[in-house]
């Protein structure tokens, strides 16, 4: 089980440590879906901790959680991107200086809205962020398109074939654009998968098979990139 922590600029979030802090591990920022820091995100942080990572999910909605798609959409579009950027950067700095974090740098993994924000964070924090894993995420804010030339992180993306918000042609275009700017990027598109296929709280789209494969790839990628070791 994790706990609430507070960091720079008034940011707060949910952190989970490997073996309850008995061992050290690489640091990963987890960026929420548009629902907020709900049980799904907290459980995912706990799952990363069980695999040996120090996982921190900054609370971009300041404690607000919803289950209603219409409300979630409004909250996402009303998100103060400057404040969200400060919260995410504060989370990176918090992990970079955390005594239980080891490795060559910090990683980020995000889902849906958080996948887009993970890519944005990679452009904002090139000095600390060395691994970026977006799950079915693009950037929905026209005014927040990153300068991809600033990205120094390796990027591994995971997307769904049946996703109207991030269709395969858009995903392929994003991968090409990142590579054109010299980014080490590899994107996977899962055949037959729906948007949010890793979200166990949404049984209508959840796919255990695609979740297992994608998270195995993602955690191996994070471990290798952050520590230089595959194990």
Foldseek 3Di string as FASTA:
>chain_A
DWDKDAWPPGWIWTKDAAPRLPAAAAEEEEEEALQWCDPQVNVVNNVVSPVGYIYIYITQPVPGGDDDPVVSVVCLVPRPVVVVLVNVVRSQVCQVPPPRHDFDAYEYEYAAQGLQVQQLNQLVCQPGYAEGEYEQYHHPDPVRDGPLLSGNHAYEYEYECAEPVCHPVNVVVVQVVNVVSVHNYHYDYDYPAYGPQCRPVPVVRHDPVSNVVVVLVVSQVCRCRGHVDSD
